[in-house]
Amino acid sequence: MAAQLRQLPGADAYRAKFAQWLADCGAAPTSVRSWSRRTPSSPTPVWAGAGKGC
């Protein structure tokens, strides 16, 4: 399913904007893929519940 979402119009721009936001906030790692996946021990995405801003 993720591969299909990455093919949608605007997906590249969204991922680039997200990567820039991660870098601006000093996130480690700055990989969009790292922040967009589910952790092995949780059915909840790692970003769930995150607020706006840094």
C-alpha atoms as a PDB file:
ATOM      1  CA  MET A   1       0.000   0.000   0.000  1.00  0.00           C
ATOM      2  CA  ALA A   2       2.830   2.427   0.780  1.00  0.00           C
ATOM      3  CA  ALA A   3       4.211   2.022  -2.726  1.00  0.00           C
ATOM      4  CA  GLN A   4       0.830   2.996  -4.160  1.00  0.00           C
ATOM      5  CA  LEU A   5       0.644   6.084  -1.945  1.00  0.00           C
ATOM      6  CA  ARG A   6       4.133   7.177  -3.035  1.00  0.00           C
ATOM      7  CA  GLN A   7       2.896   7.150  -6.643  1.00  0.00           C
ATOM      8  CA  LEU A   8       0.051   9.609  -6.051  1.00  0.00           C
ATOM      9  CA  PRO A   9       0.322  13.149  -7.437  1.00  0.00           C
ATOM     10  CA  GLY A  10       2.040  15.391  -4.901  1.00  0.00           C
ATOM     11  CA  ALA A  11       3.577  12.512  -2.936  1.00  0.00           C
ATOM     12  CA  ASP A  12       7.150  13.519  -3.768  1.00  0.00           C
ATOM     13  CA  ALA A  13       6.536  17.101  -2.693  1.00  0.00           C
ATOM     14  CA  TYR A  14       4.882  15.946   0.542  1.00  0.00           C
ATOM     15  CA  ARG A  15       7.809  13.663   1.384  1.00  0.00           C
ATOM     16  CA  ALA A  16      10.295  16.447   0.620  1.00  0.00           C
ATOM     17  CA  LYS A  17       8.391  18.869   2.856  1.00  0.00           C
ATOM     18  CA  PHE A  18       8.235  16.280   5.638  1.00  0.00           C
ATOM     19  CA  ALA A  19      11.987  15.571   5.303  1.00  0.00           C
ATOM     20  CA  GLN A  20      12.739  19.286   5.542  1.00  0.00           C
ATOM     21  CA  TRP A  21      10.543  19.614   8.628  1.00  0.00           C
ATOM     22  CA  LEU A  22      12.379  16.704  10.270  1.00  0.00           C
ATOM     23  CA  ALA A  23      15.738  18.331   9.506  1.00  0.00           C
ATOM     24  CA  ASP A  24      14.572  21.744  10.740  1.00  0.00           C
ATOM     25  CA  CYS A  25      13.422  20.193  14.007  1.00  0.00           C
ATOM     26  CA  GLY A  26      16.690  18.341  14.523  1.00  0.00           C
ATOM     27  CA  ALA A  27      15.049  14.935  14.303  1.00  0.00           C
ATOM     28  CA  ALA A  28      17.219  11.855  14.204  1.00  0.00           C
ATOM     29  CA  PRO A  29      16.951  10.073  11.904  1.00  0.00           C
ATOM     30  CA  THR A  30      15.747  12.437   9.216  1.00  0.00           C
ATOM     31  CA  SER A  31      14.513   9.625   6.989  1.00  0.00           C
ATOM     32  CA  VAL A  32      10.846  10.074   6.117  1.00  0.00           C
ATOM     33  CA  ARG A  33      10.540   6.299   5.869  1.00  0.00           C
ATOM     34  CA  SER A  34      11.809   5.864   9.439  1.00  0.00           C
ATOM     35  CA  TRP A  35       9.151   8.200  10.783  1.00  0.00           C
ATOM     36  CA  SER A  36       6.338   6.883   8.595  1.00  0.00           C
ATOM     37  CA  ARG A  37       6.487   3.223   9.534  1.00  0.00           C
ATOM     38  CA  ARG A  38       5.038   1.266  12.403  1.00  0.00           C
ATOM     39  CA  THR A  39       7.290   0.107  15.182  1.00  0.00           C
ATOM     40  CA  PRO A  40       7.690  -3.678  15.447  1.00  0.00           C
ATOM     41  CA  SER A  41       6.030  -3.766  18.882  1.00  0.00           C
ATOM     42  CA  SER A  42       3.131  -1.421  18.211  1.00  0.00           C
ATOM     43  CA  PRO A  43       0.132  -1.425  15.895  1.00  0.00           C
ATOM     44  CA  THR A  44       0.180   2.391  16.067  1.00  0.00           C
ATOM     45  CA  PRO A  45       2.298   4.476  13.653  1.00  0.00           C
ATOM     46  CA  VAL A  46       5.272   6.113  15.371  1.00  0.00           C
ATOM     47  CA  TRP A  47       3.954   9.576  14.506  1.00  0.00           C
ATOM     48  CA  ALA A  48       0.455   9.041  15.903  1.00  0.00           C
ATOM     49  CA  GLY A  49      -0.479  11.697  18.385  1.00  0.00           C
ATOM     50  CA  ALA A  50       2.289  14.056  17.320  1.00  0.00           C
ATOM     51  CA  GLY A  51       1.287  17.688  17.439  1.00  0.00           C
ATOM     52  CA  LYS A  52       1.984  20.407  14.913  1.00  0.00           C
ATOM     53  CA  GLY A  53       5.310  22.172  14.917  1.00  0.00           C
ATOM     54  CA  CYS A  54       8.494  20.694  16.313  1.00  0.00           C
END
